[in-house]
Amino acid sequence: MLPLNHAAAVIAMHVVQFYYDYGCRPELLTRIADCVKLNEAYQNNFQKTKEKLRQNPNERQFEFSENYIFGKFDTFCKRLEKIRDMMNTIEAFTGMILSANYVKQY
């Protein structure tokens, strides 16, 4: 049985390969950016609501950990950013390899 981190990495690479095979790289990058923006928007709204409640002490205050609420989403977004970085790196090296092979042919 594979360790969880290794299994997650294998799954992530299969997802990236699927998108590369079907030419969906721009769509994947857009979806990654959308997920990161959504996480930021959720956290900004949480902070605004928390501040409004702080200004009115008669209201029930937020008394729970932000990490408890956003921790898994933050971790997911970090993984997505790593996938985006890997895709950019792969594309850069692929371009270099193709250029080198083209030069060798002529």
N, C-alpha and C. Protein backbone atom coordinates (compact mmCIF):
# COMPACT_ATOMS: atom_id res chain seq x y z
N MET A 1 0.85 -1.19 0.00
CA MET A 1 0.00 0.00 0.00
C MET A 1 0.89 1.24 0.00
N LEU A 2 0.54 2.22 -0.82
CA LEU A 2 1.32 3.44 -0.93
C LEU A 2 1.05 4.38 0.24
N PRO A 3 2.08 5.11 0.70
CA PRO A 3 1.83 6.13 1.70
C PRO A 3 0.89 7.18 1.12
N LEU A 4 0.12 7.83 1.99
CA LEU A 4 -0.90 8.78 1.54
C LEU A 4 -0.29 9.90 0.70
N ASN A 5 0.84 10.47 1.12
CA ASN A 5 1.46 11.56 0.36
C ASN A 5 1.86 11.11 -1.04
N HIS A 6 2.41 9.91 -1.12
CA HIS A 6 2.82 9.38 -2.42
C HIS A 6 1.60 9.14 -3.31
N ALA A 7 0.55 8.57 -2.72
CA ALA A 7 -0.66 8.30 -3.49
C ALA A 7 -1.27 9.61 -4.00
N ALA A 8 -1.29 10.64 -3.17
CA ALA A 8 -1.82 11.94 -3.59
C ALA A 8 -1.00 12.51 -4.73
N ALA A 9 0.31 12.36 -4.65
CA ALA A 9 1.19 12.86 -5.72
C ALA A 9 0.93 12.11 -7.02
N VAL A 10 0.75 10.81 -6.94
CA VAL A 10 0.48 10.01 -8.13
C VAL A 10 -0.84 10.44 -8.76
N ILE A 11 -1.86 10.64 -7.94
CA ILE A 11 -3.16 11.08 -8.45
C ILE A 11 -3.03 12.45 -9.10
N ALA A 12 -2.32 13.36 -8.45
CA ALA A 12 -2.14 14.71 -9.00
C ALA A 12 -1.45 14.65 -10.35
N MET A 13 -0.43 13.80 -10.48
CA MET A 13 0.28 13.70 -11.75
C MET A 13 -0.62 13.12 -12.85
N HIS A 14 -1.50 12.17 -12.48
CA HIS A 14 -2.43 11.64 -13.47
C HIS A 14 -3.42 12.71 -13.93
N VAL A 15 -3.85 13.55 -13.02
CA VAL A 15 -4.76 14.65 -13.39
C VAL A 15 -4.05 15.61 -14.34
N VAL A 16 -2.82 15.97 -14.00
CA VAL A 16 -2.05 16.87 -14.86
C VAL A 16 -1.84 16.23 -16.23
N GLN A 17 -1.49 14.96 -16.26
CA GLN A 17 -1.27 14.26 -17.54
C GLN A 17 -2.54 14.24 -18.37
N PHE A 18 -3.69 14.00 -17.72
CA PHE A 18 -4.97 14.00 -18.43
C PHE A 18 -5.21 15.34 -19.11
N TYR A 19 -4.98 16.41 -18.38
CA TYR A 19 -5.22 17.73 -18.95
C TYR A 19 -4.23 18.05 -20.07
N TYR A 20 -2.99 17.60 -19.92
CA TYR A 20 -2.03 17.81 -21.00
C TYR A 20 -2.42 17.01 -22.24
N ASP A 21 -2.83 15.76 -22.04
CA ASP A 21 -3.20 14.90 -23.17
C ASP A 21 -4.36 15.48 -23.97
N TYR A 22 -5.29 16.11 -23.29
CA TYR A 22 -6.48 16.62 -23.96
C TYR A 22 -6.41 18.13 -24.22
N GLY A 23 -5.24 18.71 -24.05
CA GLY A 23 -5.05 20.12 -24.38
C GLY A 23 -5.84 21.09 -23.52
N CYS A 24 -6.06 20.74 -22.27
CA CYS A 24 -6.87 21.57 -21.39
C CYS A 24 -6.02 22.38 -20.40
N ARG A 25 -4.75 22.58 -20.70
CA ARG A 25 -3.87 23.28 -19.77
C ARG A 25 -4.40 24.65 -19.39
N PRO A 26 -4.82 25.49 -20.35
CA PRO A 26 -5.34 26.81 -19.96
C PRO A 26 -6.55 26.72 -19.03
N GLU A 27 -7.42 25.75 -19.29
CA GLU A 27 -8.60 25.56 -18.43
C GLU A 27 -8.17 25.14 -17.03
N LEU A 28 -7.20 24.24 -16.94
CA LEU A 28 -6.72 23.80 -15.63
C LEU A 28 -6.12 24.97 -14.86
N LEU A 29 -5.30 25.78 -15.52
CA LEU A 29 -4.69 26.93 -14.84
C LEU A 29 -5.76 27.93 -14.39
N THR A 30 -6.80 28.10 -15.18
CA THR A 30 -7.90 28.99 -14.81
C THR A 30 -8.62 28.45 -13.58
N ARG A 31 -8.86 27.15 -13.56
CA ARG A 31 -9.55 26.55 -12.41
C ARG A 31 -8.70 26.62 -11.14
N ILE A 32 -7.41 26.45 -11.28
CA ILE A 32 -6.52 26.58 -10.12
C ILE A 32 -6.60 28.01 -9.59
N ALA A 33 -6.50 28.99 -10.48
CA ALA A 33 -6.58 30.40 -10.07
C ALA A 33 -7.92 30.69 -9.41
N ASP A 34 -9.00 30.13 -9.96
CA ASP A 34 -10.33 30.35 -9.38
C ASP A 34 -10.42 29.78 -7.97
N CYS A 35 -9.86 28.61 -7.74
CA CYS A 35 -9.88 28.01 -6.41
C CYS A 35 -9.12 28.87 -5.41
N VAL A 36 -7.96 29.36 -5.82
CA VAL A 36 -7.15 30.20 -4.93
C VAL A 36 -7.90 31.50 -4.61
N LYS A 37 -8.52 32.11 -5.62
CA LYS A 37 -9.29 33.34 -5.41
C LYS A 37 -10.49 33.10 -4.50
N LEU A 38 -11.15 31.96 -4.68
CA LEU A 38 -12.30 31.63 -3.84
C LEU A 38 -11.88 31.49 -2.38
N ASN A 39 -10.76 30.83 -2.15
CA ASN A 39 -10.25 30.70 -0.78
C ASN A 39 -9.97 32.07 -0.18
N GLU A 40 -9.34 32.94 -0.96
CA GLU A 40 -9.05 34.30 -0.48
C GLU A 40 -10.34 35.06 -0.18
N ALA A 41 -11.33 34.92 -1.06
CA ALA A 41 -12.60 35.62 -0.85
C ALA A 41 -13.30 35.12 0.41
N TYR A 42 -13.32 33.81 0.62
CA TYR A 42 -13.92 33.26 1.84
C TYR A 42 -13.24 33.83 3.09
N GLN A 43 -11.91 33.85 3.06
CA GLN A 43 -11.20 34.32 4.23
C GLN A 43 -11.39 35.83 4.45
N ASN A 44 -11.45 36.60 3.35
CA ASN A 44 -11.70 38.04 3.49
C ASN A 44 -13.09 38.29 4.07
N ASN A 45 -14.09 37.57 3.59
CA ASN A 45 -15.44 37.73 4.13
C ASN A 45 -15.51 37.31 5.58
N PHE A 46 -14.80 36.25 5.93
CA PHE A 46 -14.75 35.82 7.33
C PHE A 46 -14.17 36.93 8.20
N GLN A 47 -13.06 37.54 7.75
CA GLN A 47 -12.42 38.61 8.52
C GLN A 47 -13.35 39.83 8.65
N LYS A 48 -14.04 40.19 7.57
CA LYS A 48 -14.96 41.33 7.62
C LYS A 48 -16.10 41.07 8.60
N THR A 49 -16.65 39.87 8.54
CA THR A 49 -17.75 39.51 9.45
C THR A 49 -17.26 39.49 10.89
N LYS A 50 -16.09 38.95 11.10
CA LYS A 50 -15.51 38.88 12.44
C LYS A 50 -15.29 40.28 13.00
N GLU A 51 -14.83 41.20 12.15
CA GLU A 51 -14.60 42.58 12.58
C GLU A 51 -15.92 43.29 12.90
N LYS A 52 -16.94 43.05 12.08
CA LYS A 52 -18.26 43.65 12.36
C LYS A 52 -18.80 43.17 13.70
N LEU A 53 -18.63 41.88 13.97
CA LEU A 53 -19.09 41.34 15.25
C LEU A 53 -18.30 41.93 16.41
N ARG A 54 -17.02 42.15 16.21
CA ARG A 54 -16.18 42.73 17.25
C ARG A 54 -16.65 44.14 17.61
N GLN A 55 -17.15 44.87 16.62
CA GLN A 55 -17.62 46.23 16.86
C GLN A 55 -18.94 46.26 17.61
N ASN A 56 -19.67 45.17 17.60
CA ASN A 56 -20.93 45.07 18.32
C ASN A 56 -20.83 43.95 19.35
N PRO A 57 -20.40 44.27 20.56
CA PRO A 57 -20.16 43.23 21.57
C PRO A 57 -21.42 42.49 22.01
N ASN A 58 -22.60 43.02 21.70
CA ASN A 58 -23.85 42.35 22.08
C ASN A 58 -24.13 41.12 21.21
N GLU A 59 -23.54 41.11 20.02
CA GLU A 59 -23.71 39.96 19.12
C GLU A 59 -22.80 38.82 19.57
N ARG A 60 -23.22 37.62 19.23
CA ARG A 60 -22.39 36.46 19.54
C ARG A 60 -21.13 36.51 18.67
N GLN A 61 -19.97 36.36 19.28
CA GLN A 61 -18.68 36.48 18.59
C GLN A 61 -18.25 35.13 18.01
N PHE A 62 -17.39 35.23 16.99
CA PHE A 62 -16.78 34.02 16.45
C PHE A 62 -15.76 33.53 17.47
N GLU A 63 -15.93 32.30 17.90
CA GLU A 63 -15.02 31.75 18.91
C GLU A 63 -14.43 30.42 18.44
N PHE A 64 -14.08 30.36 17.18
CA PHE A 64 -13.49 29.13 16.67
C PHE A 64 -12.26 29.45 15.86
N SER A 65 -11.45 28.46 15.68
CA SER A 65 -10.16 28.61 15.03
C SER A 65 -10.32 28.80 13.53
N GLU A 66 -9.62 29.79 12.99
CA GLU A 66 -9.62 29.98 11.53
C GLU A 66 -8.95 28.79 10.85
N ASN A 67 -7.96 28.23 11.49
CA ASN A 67 -7.28 27.06 10.93
C ASN A 67 -8.25 25.88 10.83
N TYR A 68 -9.15 25.76 11.79
CA TYR A 68 -10.15 24.69 11.77
C TYR A 68 -11.07 24.87 10.56
N ILE A 69 -11.40 26.12 10.25
CA ILE A 69 -12.32 26.40 9.14
C ILE A 69 -11.61 26.33 7.80
N PHE A 70 -10.45 26.98 7.70
CA PHE A 70 -9.80 27.16 6.40
C PHE A 70 -8.58 26.27 6.20
N GLY A 71 -8.17 25.52 7.20
CA GLY A 71 -6.93 24.75 7.11
C GLY A 71 -6.88 23.79 5.93
N LYS A 72 -7.94 23.03 5.73
CA LYS A 72 -7.94 22.05 4.63
C LYS A 72 -7.98 22.74 3.27
N PHE A 73 -8.74 23.84 3.19
CA PHE A 73 -8.81 24.58 1.93
C PHE A 73 -7.45 25.22 1.63
N ASP A 74 -6.79 25.75 2.68
CA ASP A 74 -5.45 26.32 2.49
C ASP A 74 -4.47 25.26 1.97
N THR A 75 -4.53 24.09 2.58
CA THR A 75 -3.65 23.00 2.17
C THR A 75 -3.94 22.59 0.73
N PHE A 76 -5.21 22.50 0.38
CA PHE A 76 -5.61 22.16 -0.98
C PHE A 76 -5.08 23.19 -1.97
N CYS A 77 -5.20 24.47 -1.63
CA CYS A 77 -4.72 25.54 -2.52
C CYS A 77 -3.21 25.49 -2.67
N LYS A 78 -2.50 25.16 -1.60
CA LYS A 78 -1.04 25.03 -1.70
C LYS A 78 -0.67 23.90 -2.66
N ARG A 79 -1.43 22.82 -2.60
CA ARG A 79 -1.18 21.70 -3.52
C ARG A 79 -1.47 22.11 -4.96
N LEU A 80 -2.55 22.86 -5.14
CA LEU A 80 -2.87 23.34 -6.48
C LEU A 80 -1.77 24.25 -7.01
N GLU A 81 -1.24 25.10 -6.16
CA GLU A 81 -0.15 25.99 -6.58
C GLU A 81 1.09 25.20 -6.95
N LYS A 82 1.35 24.11 -6.23
CA LYS A 82 2.48 23.26 -6.59
C LYS A 82 2.25 22.60 -7.95
N ILE A 83 1.02 22.17 -8.20
CA ILE A 83 0.70 21.58 -9.50
C ILE A 83 0.90 22.61 -10.60
N ARG A 84 0.43 23.85 -10.36
CA ARG A 84 0.61 24.92 -11.35
C ARG A 84 2.09 25.16 -11.61
N ASP A 85 2.88 25.21 -10.54
CA ASP A 85 4.32 25.42 -10.69
C ASP A 85 4.97 24.27 -11.45
N MET A 86 4.55 23.03 -11.15
CA MET A 86 5.08 21.87 -11.86
C MET A 86 4.73 21.95 -13.34
N MET A 87 3.50 22.34 -13.64
CA MET A 87 3.08 22.45 -15.04
C MET A 87 3.91 23.50 -15.77
N ASN A 88 4.16 24.63 -15.13
CA ASN A 88 4.98 25.67 -15.75
C ASN A 88 6.40 25.19 -15.97
N THR A 89 6.94 24.45 -15.00
CA THR A 89 8.29 23.91 -15.13
C THR A 89 8.37 22.88 -16.25
N ILE A 90 7.37 22.00 -16.28
CA ILE A 90 7.33 20.98 -17.35
C ILE A 90 7.27 21.65 -18.71
N GLU A 91 6.43 22.68 -18.82
CA GLU A 91 6.30 23.37 -20.10
C GLU A 91 7.61 24.04 -20.50
N ALA A 92 8.28 24.65 -19.53
CA ALA A 92 9.56 25.31 -19.83
C ALA A 92 10.60 24.29 -20.31
N PHE A 93 10.70 23.16 -19.60
CA PHE A 93 11.68 22.15 -19.99
C PHE A 93 11.28 21.46 -21.30
N THR A 94 10.00 21.27 -21.51
CA THR A 94 9.54 20.68 -22.77
C THR A 94 9.92 21.58 -23.93
N GLY A 95 9.73 22.87 -23.76
CA GLY A 95 10.12 23.82 -24.80
C GLY A 95 11.61 23.76 -25.08
N MET A 96 12.41 23.66 -24.01
CA MET A 96 13.86 23.59 -24.19
C MET A 96 14.25 22.30 -24.90
N ILE A 97 13.63 21.19 -24.52
CA ILE A 97 13.95 19.90 -25.13
C ILE A 97 13.57 19.90 -26.60
N LEU A 98 12.38 20.42 -26.90
CA LEU A 98 11.94 20.48 -28.30
C LEU A 98 12.87 21.36 -29.12
N SER A 99 13.29 22.47 -28.54
CA SER A 99 14.22 23.36 -29.24
C SER A 99 15.55 22.67 -29.49
N ALA A 100 16.05 21.96 -28.49
CA ALA A 100 17.32 21.25 -28.63
C ALA A 100 17.20 20.16 -29.70
N ASN A 101 16.10 19.42 -29.70
CA ASN A 101 15.90 18.38 -30.71
C ASN A 101 15.77 18.97 -32.10
N TYR A 102 15.13 20.12 -32.22
CA TYR A 102 14.97 20.78 -33.52
C TYR A 102 16.33 21.21 -34.04
N VAL A 103 17.15 21.76 -33.16
CA VAL A 103 18.49 22.21 -33.56
C VAL A 103 19.35 21.02 -33.99
N LYS A 104 19.23 19.88 -33.29
CA LYS A 104 20.01 18.69 -33.63
C LYS A 104 19.65 18.16 -35.01
N GLN A 105 18.37 18.31 -35.39
CA GLN A 105 17.92 17.78 -36.69
C GLN A 105 18.52 18.57 -37.84
N TYR A 106 18.80 19.84 -37.62
CA TYR A 106 19.26 20.68 -38.74
C TYR A 106 20.65 21.11 -38.53
